Amino acid sequence: MRVEVLRLGHRGERDKRISTHVALTARALGADKIIFTVEDEHVEESVKKIVENWGGNFKFEVIKKWKEYIKNFKENNGIVVHLTMYGANVNEIMDEIKKEFEGKNILVIVGAEKVPKEAYELADYNVSIGNQPHSEVAALAIFLDRLFEGKTLYRKFENAKIRIIPSNDKKQVIIKKDK
Protein backbone atom coordinates (compact mmCIF):
# COMPACT_ATOMS: atom_id res chain seq x y z
CA MET A 1 0.00 0.00 0.00
CA ARG A 2 1.34 3.42 -0.97
CA VAL A 3 0.05 6.97 -0.93
CA GLU A 4 0.81 9.48 -3.64
CA VAL A 5 -0.19 13.14 -3.84
CA LEU A 6 -0.96 14.80 -7.16
CA ARG A 7 -0.47 18.58 -7.07
CA LEU A 8 -2.80 19.63 -9.87
CA GLY A 9 -1.55 22.96 -11.18
CA HIS A 10 1.16 25.30 -9.94
CA ARG A 11 1.42 29.01 -10.68
CA GLY A 12 5.17 29.58 -10.70
CA GLU A 13 6.32 32.36 -8.38
CA ARG A 14 2.91 32.73 -6.79
CA ASP A 15 2.69 29.09 -5.62
CA LYS A 16 6.38 28.26 -5.02
CA ARG A 17 6.17 28.35 -1.21
CA ILE A 18 2.74 26.77 -0.84
CA SER A 19 3.57 23.98 -3.32
CA THR A 20 6.75 23.25 -1.38
CA HIS A 21 4.66 23.04 1.80
CA VAL A 22 2.21 20.65 0.11
CA ALA A 23 5.15 18.37 -0.73
CA LEU A 24 6.72 18.60 2.74
CA THR A 25 3.38 17.90 4.41
CA ALA A 26 2.81 14.91 2.13
CA ARG A 27 6.24 13.51 3.05
CA ALA A 28 5.98 14.15 6.77
CA LEU A 29 2.50 12.69 7.13
CA GLY A 30 2.86 9.44 5.23
CA ALA A 31 2.82 9.91 1.47
CA ASP A 32 5.46 8.15 -0.60
CA LYS A 33 5.51 10.49 -3.55
CA ILE A 34 4.44 13.91 -4.82
CA ILE A 35 3.54 14.40 -8.47
CA PHE A 36 3.44 17.86 -10.04
CA THR A 37 1.82 18.75 -13.35
CA VAL A 38 4.07 21.78 -13.83
CA GLU A 39 7.86 21.82 -13.55
CA ASP A 40 9.45 23.98 -10.88
CA GLU A 41 13.14 23.37 -10.21
CA HIS A 42 13.07 25.41 -7.00
CA VAL A 43 10.34 23.27 -5.44
CA GLU A 44 11.92 20.04 -6.69
CA GLU A 45 15.34 20.97 -5.28
CA SER A 46 13.83 22.02 -1.93
CA VAL A 47 12.08 18.66 -1.61
CA LYS A 48 15.18 16.71 -2.62
CA LYS A 49 17.29 18.57 -0.02
CA ILE A 50 14.76 17.78 2.71
CA VAL A 51 14.81 14.09 1.79
CA GLU A 52 18.61 14.08 1.65
CA ASN A 53 18.95 15.66 5.10
CA TRP A 54 15.86 14.38 6.92
CA GLY A 55 15.74 10.89 5.37
CA GLY A 56 13.19 8.61 3.83
CA ASN A 57 12.46 7.52 0.29
CA PHE A 58 10.01 10.25 -0.71
CA LYS A 59 9.90 10.79 -4.48
CA PHE A 60 9.25 13.89 -6.57
CA GLU A 61 7.93 13.49 -10.12
CA VAL A 62 6.61 15.79 -12.85
CA ILE A 63 4.03 14.52 -15.33
CA LYS A 64 2.34 16.19 -18.28
CA LYS A 65 -0.71 13.94 -18.77
CA TRP A 66 -2.45 14.00 -15.39
CA LYS A 67 -5.74 12.47 -16.60
CA GLU A 68 -3.86 9.52 -18.06
CA TYR A 69 -1.87 9.17 -14.83
CA ILE A 70 -5.08 9.04 -12.77
CA LYS A 71 -6.68 6.46 -15.07
CA ASN A 72 -3.56 4.25 -14.95
CA PHE A 73 -3.40 4.59 -11.17
CA LYS A 74 -6.99 3.40 -10.83
CA GLU A 75 -6.37 0.48 -13.21
CA ASN A 76 -3.42 -0.61 -11.03
CA ASN A 77 -5.24 -1.23 -7.74
CA GLY A 78 -5.64 2.42 -6.77
CA ILE A 79 -8.34 4.68 -5.48
CA VAL A 80 -8.41 8.42 -6.04
CA VAL A 81 -9.41 11.01 -3.44
CA HIS A 82 -9.79 14.63 -4.50
CA LEU A 83 -9.63 17.16 -1.66
CA THR A 84 -12.12 19.94 -2.34
CA MET A 85 -14.36 22.13 -0.21
CA TYR A 86 -17.31 20.92 -2.33
CA GLY A 87 -16.97 17.23 -1.42
CA ALA A 88 -18.40 14.90 1.19
CA ASN A 89 -17.30 15.80 4.71
CA VAL A 90 -14.16 13.94 5.79
CA ASN A 91 -15.81 12.93 9.07
CA GLU A 92 -18.63 11.20 7.24
CA ILE A 93 -16.64 9.47 4.49
CA MET A 94 -13.30 8.52 6.10
CA ASP A 95 -14.40 5.10 7.40
CA GLU A 96 -15.55 4.12 3.89
CA ILE A 97 -12.25 5.32 2.38
CA LYS A 98 -10.22 3.38 4.97
CA LYS A 99 -12.16 0.17 4.22
CA GLU A 100 -11.59 0.54 0.50
CA PHE A 101 -7.96 1.58 1.07
CA GLU A 102 -7.05 -1.79 2.67
CA GLY A 103 -4.72 -3.52 0.23
CA LYS A 104 -4.89 -0.70 -2.31
CA ASN A 105 -2.90 2.38 -3.19
CA ILE A 106 -4.31 5.87 -2.86
CA LEU A 107 -3.79 8.98 -4.94
CA VAL A 108 -4.76 12.25 -3.25
CA ILE A 109 -5.45 15.14 -5.62
CA VAL A 110 -4.71 18.63 -4.27
CA GLY A 111 -5.47 21.58 -6.52
CA ALA A 112 -3.50 24.79 -6.86
CA GLU A 113 -6.00 26.77 -8.87
CA LYS A 114 -9.45 26.15 -10.30
CA VAL A 115 -9.55 22.38 -10.63
CA PRO A 116 -10.87 21.07 -13.96
CA LYS A 117 -14.20 19.23 -13.92
CA GLU A 118 -12.45 16.02 -15.04
CA ALA A 119 -10.64 15.77 -11.69
CA TYR A 120 -13.99 15.61 -9.88
CA GLU A 121 -15.26 13.01 -12.35
CA LEU A 122 -12.13 10.81 -12.22
CA ALA A 123 -12.00 10.81 -8.41
CA ASP A 124 -13.56 7.92 -6.53
CA TYR A 125 -14.12 10.32 -3.63
CA ASN A 126 -14.45 14.10 -3.55
CA VAL A 127 -13.71 14.94 0.08
CA SER A 128 -14.00 18.21 1.96
CA ILE A 129 -12.18 19.23 5.10
CA GLY A 130 -15.02 21.56 5.98
CA ASN A 131 -16.91 23.62 3.42
CA GLN A 132 -15.09 26.92 3.86
CA PRO A 133 -12.12 28.33 1.93
CA HIS A 134 -8.86 27.08 3.46
CA SER A 135 -5.32 26.05 2.61
CA GLU A 136 -4.62 22.95 0.56
CA VAL A 137 -1.73 22.29 2.95
CA ALA A 138 -4.15 22.15 5.89
CA ALA A 139 -6.58 19.95 3.96
CA LEU A 140 -3.83 17.48 3.04
CA ALA A 141 -2.47 17.41 6.60
CA ILE A 142 -5.87 16.70 8.12
CA PHE A 143 -6.72 14.07 5.51
CA LEU A 144 -3.42 12.16 5.88
CA ASP A 145 -3.53 12.39 9.67
CA ARG A 146 -7.04 10.92 9.70
CA LEU A 147 -6.11 8.26 7.14
CA PHE A 148 -3.11 7.08 9.19
CA GLU A 149 -4.78 7.77 12.56
CA GLY A 150 -1.90 9.94 13.77
CA LYS A 151 0.66 7.11 13.51
CA THR A 152 2.88 8.93 11.01
CA LEU A 153 3.72 11.52 13.67
CA TYR A 154 5.95 8.88 15.27
CA ARG A 155 7.72 7.68 12.13
CA LYS A 156 11.48 7.50 11.98
CA PHE A 157 12.92 8.15 8.54
CA GLU A 158 15.76 5.91 7.42
CA ASN A 159 19.04 7.51 6.29
CA ALA A 160 18.28 10.76 8.13
CA LYS A 161 21.23 13.09 8.65
CA ILE A 162 19.13 15.34 10.91
CA ARG A 163 16.76 14.12 13.61
CA ILE A 164 14.82 15.93 16.30
CA ILE A 165 14.45 14.43 19.76
CA PRO A 166 11.08 15.56 21.13
CA SER A 167 11.42 17.64 24.28
CA ASN A 168 9.12 19.91 26.20
CA ASP A 169 11.83 22.24 27.46
CA LYS A 170 14.83 22.23 25.11
CA LYS A 171 15.85 21.95 21.49
CA GLN A 172 17.47 18.57 20.81
CA VAL A 173 18.85 17.99 17.34
CA ILE A 174 21.04 15.09 16.26
CA ILE A 175 23.15 15.75 13.19
CA LYS A 176 24.88 12.79 11.59
CA LYS A 177 28.17 13.85 10.03
CA ASP A 178 29.14 12.60 6.58
CA LYS A 179 32.22 10.43 6.61
C-alpha atoms as a PDB file:
ATOM      1  CA  MET A   1       0.000   0.000   0.000  1.00  0.00           C
ATOM      2  CA  ARG A   2       1.340   3.416  -0.972  1.00  0.00           C
ATOM      3  CA  VAL A   3       0.049   6.972  -0.933  1.00  0.00           C
ATOM      4  CA  GLU A   4       0.813   9.483  -3.643  1.00  0.00           C
ATOM      5  CA  VAL A   5      -0.191  13.136  -3.842  1.00  0.00           C
ATOM      6  CA  LEU A   6      -0.963  14.800  -7.158  1.00  0.00           C
ATOM      7  CA  ARG A   7      -0.470  18.582  -7.072  1.00  0.00           C
ATOM      8  CA  LEU A   8      -2.797  19.630  -9.875  1.00  0.00           C
ATOM      9  CA  GLY A   9      -1.546  22.961 -11.181  1.00  0.00           C
ATOM     10  CA  HIS A  10       1.163  25.296  -9.937  1.00  0.00           C
ATOM     11  CA  ARG A  11       1.418  29.014 -10.679  1.00  0.00           C
ATOM     12  CA  GLY A  12       5.173  29.581 -10.698  1.00  0.00           C
ATOM     13  CA  GLU A  13       6.322  32.362  -8.382  1.00  0.00           C
ATOM     14  CA  ARG A  14       2.905  32.733  -6.792  1.00  0.00           C
ATOM     15  CA  ASP A  15       2.694  29.086  -5.615  1.00  0.00           C
ATOM     16  CA  LYS A  16       6.382  28.265  -5.020  1.00  0.00           C
ATOM     17  CA  ARG A  17       6.173  28.354  -1.214  1.00  0.00           C
ATOM     18  CA  ILE A  18       2.738  26.772  -0.843  1.00  0.00           C
ATOM     19  CA  SER A  19       3.566  23.978  -3.315  1.00  0.00           C
ATOM     20  CA  THR A  20       6.750  23.247  -1.375  1.00  0.00           C
ATOM     21  CA  HIS A  21       4.655  23.036   1.803  1.00  0.00           C
ATOM     22  CA  VAL A  22       2.214  20.649   0.112  1.00  0.00           C
ATOM     23  CA  ALA A  23       5.154  18.373  -0.733  1.00  0.00           C
ATOM     24  CA  LEU A  24       6.722  18.596   2.740  1.00  0.00           C
ATOM     25  CA  THR A  25       3.381  17.899   4.405  1.00  0.00           C
ATOM     26  CA  ALA A  26       2.812  14.910   2.130  1.00  0.00           C
ATOM     27  CA  ARG A  27       6.237  13.507   3.046  1.00  0.00           C
ATOM     28  CA  ALA A  28       5.979  14.152   6.769  1.00  0.00           C
ATOM     29  CA  LEU A  29       2.499  12.693   7.126  1.00  0.00           C
ATOM     30  CA  GLY A  30       2.859   9.438   5.231  1.00  0.00           C
ATOM     31  CA  ALA A  31       2.822   9.915   1.467  1.00  0.00           C
ATOM     32  CA  ASP A  32       5.464   8.149  -0.596  1.00  0.00           C
ATOM     33  CA  LYS A  33       5.509  10.494  -3.551  1.00  0.00           C
ATOM     34  CA  ILE A  34       4.440  13.910  -4.822  1.00  0.00           C
ATOM     35  CA  ILE A  35       3.536  14.403  -8.466  1.00  0.00           C
ATOM     36  CA  PHE A  36       3.444  17.864 -10.040  1.00  0.00           C
ATOM     37  CA  THR A  37       1.816  18.748 -13.347  1.00  0.00           C
ATOM     38  CA  VAL A  38       4.070  21.780 -13.831  1.00  0.00           C
ATOM     39  CA  GLU A  39       7.862  21.816 -13.552  1.00  0.00           C
ATOM     40  CA  ASP A  40       9.452  23.981 -10.883  1.00  0.00           C
ATOM     41  CA  GLU A  41      13.140  23.373 -10.213  1.00  0.00           C
ATOM     42  CA  HIS A  42      13.074  25.410  -7.001  1.00  0.00           C
ATOM     43  CA  VAL A  43      10.344  23.267  -5.439  1.00  0.00           C
ATOM     44  CA  GLU A  44      11.922  20.039  -6.688  1.00  0.00           C
ATOM     45  CA  GLU A  45      15.345  20.970  -5.284  1.00  0.00           C
ATOM     46  CA  SER A  46      13.832  22.016  -1.934  1.00  0.00           C
ATOM     47  CA  VAL A  47      12.076  18.659  -1.606  1.00  0.00           C
ATOM     48  CA  LYS A  48      15.184  16.705  -2.618  1.00  0.00           C
ATOM     49  CA  LYS A  49      17.289  18.569  -0.020  1.00  0.00           C
ATOM     50  CA  ILE A  50      14.756  17.782   2.710  1.00  0.00           C
ATOM     51  CA  VAL A  51      14.813  14.088   1.790  1.00  0.00           C
ATOM     52  CA  GLU A  52      18.615  14.081   1.648  1.00  0.00           C
ATOM     53  CA  ASN A  53      18.950  15.660   5.104  1.00  0.00           C
ATOM     54  CA  TRP A  54      15.864  14.380   6.917  1.00  0.00           C
ATOM     55  CA  GLY A  55      15.744  10.894   5.367  1.00  0.00           C
ATOM     56  CA  GLY A  56      13.193   8.611   3.828  1.00  0.00           C
ATOM     57  CA  ASN A  57      12.459   7.522   0.288  1.00  0.00           C
ATOM     58  CA  PHE A  58      10.006  10.251  -0.706  1.00  0.00           C
ATOM     59  CA  LYS A  59       9.905  10.788  -4.475  1.00  0.00           C
ATOM     60  CA  PHE A  60       9.247  13.889  -6.573  1.00  0.00           C
ATOM     61  CA  GLU A  61       7.928  13.491 -10.122  1.00  0.00           C
ATOM     62  CA  VAL A  62       6.609  15.787 -12.847  1.00  0.00           C
ATOM     63  CA  ILE A  63       4.030  14.518 -15.329  1.00  0.00           C
ATOM     64  CA  LYS A  64       2.340  16.194 -18.281  1.00  0.00           C
ATOM     65  CA  LYS A  65      -0.705  13.937 -18.767  1.00  0.00           C
ATOM     66  CA  TRP A  66      -2.448  13.996 -15.388  1.00  0.00           C
ATOM     67  CA  LYS A  67      -5.741  12.470 -16.605  1.00  0.00           C
ATOM     68  CA  GLU A  68      -3.860   9.519 -18.060  1.00  0.00           C
ATOM     69  CA  TYR A  69      -1.870   9.167 -14.826  1.00  0.00           C
ATOM     70  CA  ILE A  70      -5.081   9.042 -12.766  1.00  0.00           C
ATOM     71  CA  LYS A  71      -6.681   6.464 -15.070  1.00  0.00           C
ATOM     72  CA  ASN A  72      -3.559   4.253 -14.949  1.00  0.00           C
ATOM     73  CA  PHE A  73      -3.397   4.593 -11.167  1.00  0.00           C
ATOM     74  CA  LYS A  74      -6.992   3.399 -10.830  1.00  0.00           C
ATOM     75  CA  GLU A  75      -6.370   0.485 -13.207  1.00  0.00           C
ATOM     76  CA  ASN A  76      -3.424  -0.611 -11.034  1.00  0.00           C
ATOM     77  CA  ASN A  77      -5.237  -1.227  -7.743  1.00  0.00           C
ATOM     78  CA  GLY A  78      -5.638   2.417  -6.774  1.00  0.00           C
ATOM     79  CA  ILE A  79      -8.342   4.679  -5.483  1.00  0.00           C
ATOM     80  CA  VAL A  80      -8.414   8.417  -6.041  1.00  0.00           C
ATOM     81  CA  VAL A  81      -9.408  11.009  -3.436  1.00  0.00           C
ATOM     82  CA  HIS A  82      -9.787  14.626  -4.501  1.00  0.00           C
ATOM     83  CA  LEU A  83      -9.628  17.158  -1.662  1.00  0.00           C
ATOM     84  CA  THR A  84     -12.124  19.938  -2.337  1.00  0.00           C
ATOM     85  CA  MET A  85     -14.363  22.129  -0.212  1.00  0.00           C
ATOM     86  CA  TYR A  86     -17.306  20.924  -2.327  1.00  0.00           C
ATOM     87  CA  GLY A  87     -16.968  17.234  -1.416  1.00  0.00           C
ATOM     88  CA  ALA A  88     -18.400  14.901   1.190  1.00  0.00           C
ATOM     89  CA  ASN A  89     -17.300  15.799   4.713  1.00  0.00           C
ATOM     90  CA  VAL A  90     -14.164  13.940   5.791  1.00  0.00           C
ATOM     91  CA  ASN A  91     -15.814  12.928   9.075  1.00  0.00           C
ATOM     92  CA  GLU A  92     -18.634  11.197   7.237  1.00  0.00           C
ATOM     93  CA  ILE A  93     -16.641   9.470   4.487  1.00  0.00           C
ATOM     94  CA  MET A  94     -13.304   8.524   6.104  1.00  0.00           C
ATOM     95  CA  ASP A  95     -14.402   5.097   7.400  1.00  0.00           C
ATOM     96  CA  GLU A  96     -15.546   4.125   3.893  1.00  0.00           C
ATOM     97  CA  ILE A  97     -12.252   5.322   2.382  1.00  0.00           C
ATOM     98  CA  LYS A  98     -10.223   3.376   4.971  1.00  0.00           C
ATOM     99  CA  LYS A  99     -12.157   0.171   4.219  1.00  0.00           C
ATOM    100  CA  GLU A 100     -11.591   0.539   0.498  1.00  0.00           C
ATOM    101  CA  PHE A 101      -7.962   1.576   1.070  1.00  0.00           C
ATOM    102  CA  GLU A 102      -7.053  -1.787   2.675  1.00  0.00           C
ATOM    103  CA  GLY A 103      -4.717  -3.521   0.228  1.00  0.00           C
ATOM    104  CA  LYS A 104      -4.886  -0.705  -2.311  1.00  0.00           C
ATOM    105  CA  ASN A 105      -2.899   2.379  -3.188  1.00  0.00           C
ATOM    106  CA  ILE A 106      -4.312   5.867  -2.865  1.00  0.00           C
ATOM    107  CA  LEU A 107      -3.793   8.982  -4.943  1.00  0.00           C
ATOM    108  CA  VAL A 108      -4.758  12.247  -3.253  1.00  0.00           C
ATOM    109  CA  ILE A 109      -5.445  15.143  -5.618  1.00  0.00           C
ATOM    110  CA  VAL A 110      -4.705  18.627  -4.270  1.00  0.00           C
ATOM    111  CA  GLY A 111      -5.470  21.581  -6.516  1.00  0.00           C
ATOM    112  CA  ALA A 112      -3.503  24.792  -6.862  1.00  0.00           C
ATOM    113  CA  GLU A 113      -5.998  26.769  -8.865  1.00  0.00           C
ATOM    114  CA  LYS A 114      -9.450  26.149 -10.300  1.00  0.00           C
ATOM    115  CA  VAL A 115      -9.550  22.377 -10.633  1.00  0.00           C
ATOM    116  CA  PRO A 116     -10.871  21.066 -13.964  1.00  0.00           C
ATOM    117  CA  LYS A 117     -14.201  19.228 -13.924  1.00  0.00           C
ATOM    118  CA  GLU A 118     -12.451  16.020 -15.037  1.00  0.00           C
ATOM    119  CA  ALA A 119     -10.642  15.768 -11.686  1.00  0.00           C
ATOM    120  CA  TYR A 120     -13.988  15.605  -9.880  1.00  0.00           C
ATOM    121  CA  GLU A 121     -15.258  13.014 -12.352  1.00  0.00           C
ATOM    122  CA  LEU A 122     -12.132  10.810 -12.220  1.00  0.00           C
ATOM    123  CA  ALA A 123     -12.002  10.810  -8.410  1.00  0.00           C
ATOM    124  CA  ASP A 124     -13.562   7.924  -6.527  1.00  0.00           C
ATOM    125  CA  TYR A 125     -14.125  10.319  -3.625  1.00  0.00           C
ATOM    126  CA  ASN A 126     -14.446  14.097  -3.553  1.00  0.00           C
ATOM    127  CA  VAL A 127     -13.713  14.936   0.079  1.00  0.00           C
ATOM    128  CA  SER A 128     -13.995  18.207   1.958  1.00  0.00           C
ATOM    129  CA  ILE A 129     -12.183  19.233   5.095  1.00  0.00           C
ATOM    130  CA  GLY A 130     -15.022  21.561   5.978  1.00  0.00           C
ATOM    131  CA  ASN A 131     -16.909  23.622   3.421  1.00  0.00           C
ATOM    132  CA  GLN A 132     -15.091  26.921   3.861  1.00  0.00           C
ATOM    133  CA  PRO A 133     -12.117  28.325   1.930  1.00  0.00           C
ATOM    134  CA  HIS A 134      -8.857  27.084   3.460  1.00  0.00           C
ATOM    135  CA  SER A 135      -5.316  26.051   2.613  1.00  0.00           C
ATOM    136  CA  GLU A 136      -4.622  22.952   0.556  1.00  0.00           C
ATOM    137  CA  VAL A 137      -1.729  22.293   2.954  1.00  0.00           C
ATOM    138  CA  ALA A 138      -4.148  22.149   5.886  1.00  0.00           C
ATOM    139  CA  ALA A 139      -6.575  19.947   3.959  1.00  0.00           C
ATOM    140  CA  LEU A 140      -3.826  17.484   3.036  1.00  0.00           C
ATOM    141  CA  ALA A 141      -2.471  17.411   6.595  1.00  0.00           C
ATOM    142  CA  ILE A 142      -5.868  16.704   8.116  1.00  0.00           C
ATOM    143  CA  PHE A 143      -6.722  14.066   5.515  1.00  0.00           C
ATOM    144  CA  LEU A 144      -3.422  12.162   5.880  1.00  0.00           C
ATOM    145  CA  ASP A 145      -3.530  12.387   9.669  1.00  0.00           C
ATOM    146  CA  ARG A 146      -7.037  10.920   9.699  1.00  0.00           C
ATOM    147  CA  LEU A 147      -6.106   8.259   7.139  1.00  0.00           C
ATOM    148  CA  PHE A 148      -3.112   7.079   9.188  1.00  0.00           C
ATOM    149  CA  GLU A 149      -4.778   7.772  12.555  1.00  0.00           C
ATOM    150  CA  GLY A 150      -1.901   9.941  13.770  1.00  0.00           C
ATOM    151  CA  LYS A 151       0.662   7.114  13.511  1.00  0.00           C
ATOM    152  CA  THR A 152       2.882   8.927  11.011  1.00  0.00           C
ATOM    153  CA  LEU A 153       3.716  11.517  13.666  1.00  0.00           C
ATOM    154  CA  TYR A 154       5.952   8.876  15.274  1.00  0.00           C
ATOM    155  CA  ARG A 155       7.725   7.679  12.129  1.00  0.00           C
ATOM    156  CA  LYS A 156      11.483   7.500  11.979  1.00  0.00           C
ATOM    157  CA  PHE A 157      12.924   8.154   8.543  1.00  0.00           C
ATOM    158  CA  GLU A 158      15.765   5.914   7.415  1.00  0.00           C
ATOM    159  CA  ASN A 159      19.041   7.508   6.287  1.00  0.00           C
ATOM    160  CA  ALA A 160      18.279  10.759   8.130  1.00  0.00           C
ATOM    161  CA  LYS A 161      21.226  13.094   8.654  1.00  0.00           C
ATOM    162  CA  ILE A 162      19.125  15.345  10.907  1.00  0.00           C
ATOM    163  CA  ARG A 163      16.759  14.124  13.607  1.00  0.00           C
ATOM    164  CA  ILE A 164      14.815  15.934  16.300  1.00  0.00           C
ATOM    165  CA  ILE A 165      14.451  14.426  19.765  1.00  0.00           C
ATOM    166  CA  PRO A 166      11.080  15.561  21.129  1.00  0.00           C
ATOM    167  CA  SER A 167      11.424  17.641  24.277  1.00  0.00           C
ATOM    168  CA  ASN A 168       9.119  19.905  26.197  1.00  0.00           C
ATOM    169  CA  ASP A 169      11.830  22.238  27.459  1.00  0.00           C
ATOM    170  CA  LYS A 170      14.827  22.228  25.106  1.00  0.00           C
ATOM    171  CA  LYS A 171      15.846  21.947  21.495  1.00  0.00           C
ATOM    172  CA  GLN A 172      17.472  18.568  20.814  1.00  0.00           C
ATOM    173  CA  VAL A 173      18.853  17.994  17.335  1.00  0.00           C
ATOM    174  CA  ILE A 174      21.042  15.091  16.257  1.00  0.00           C
ATOM    175  CA  ILE A 175      23.152  15.753  13.187  1.00  0.00           C
ATOM    176  CA  LYS A 176      24.885  12.792  11.594  1.00  0.00           C
ATOM    177  CA  LYS A 177      28.165  13.851  10.034  1.00  0.00           C
ATOM    178  CA  ASP A 178      29.136  12.602   6.579  1.00  0.00           C
ATOM    179  CA  LYS A 179      32.217  10.428   6.614  1.00  0.00           C
END
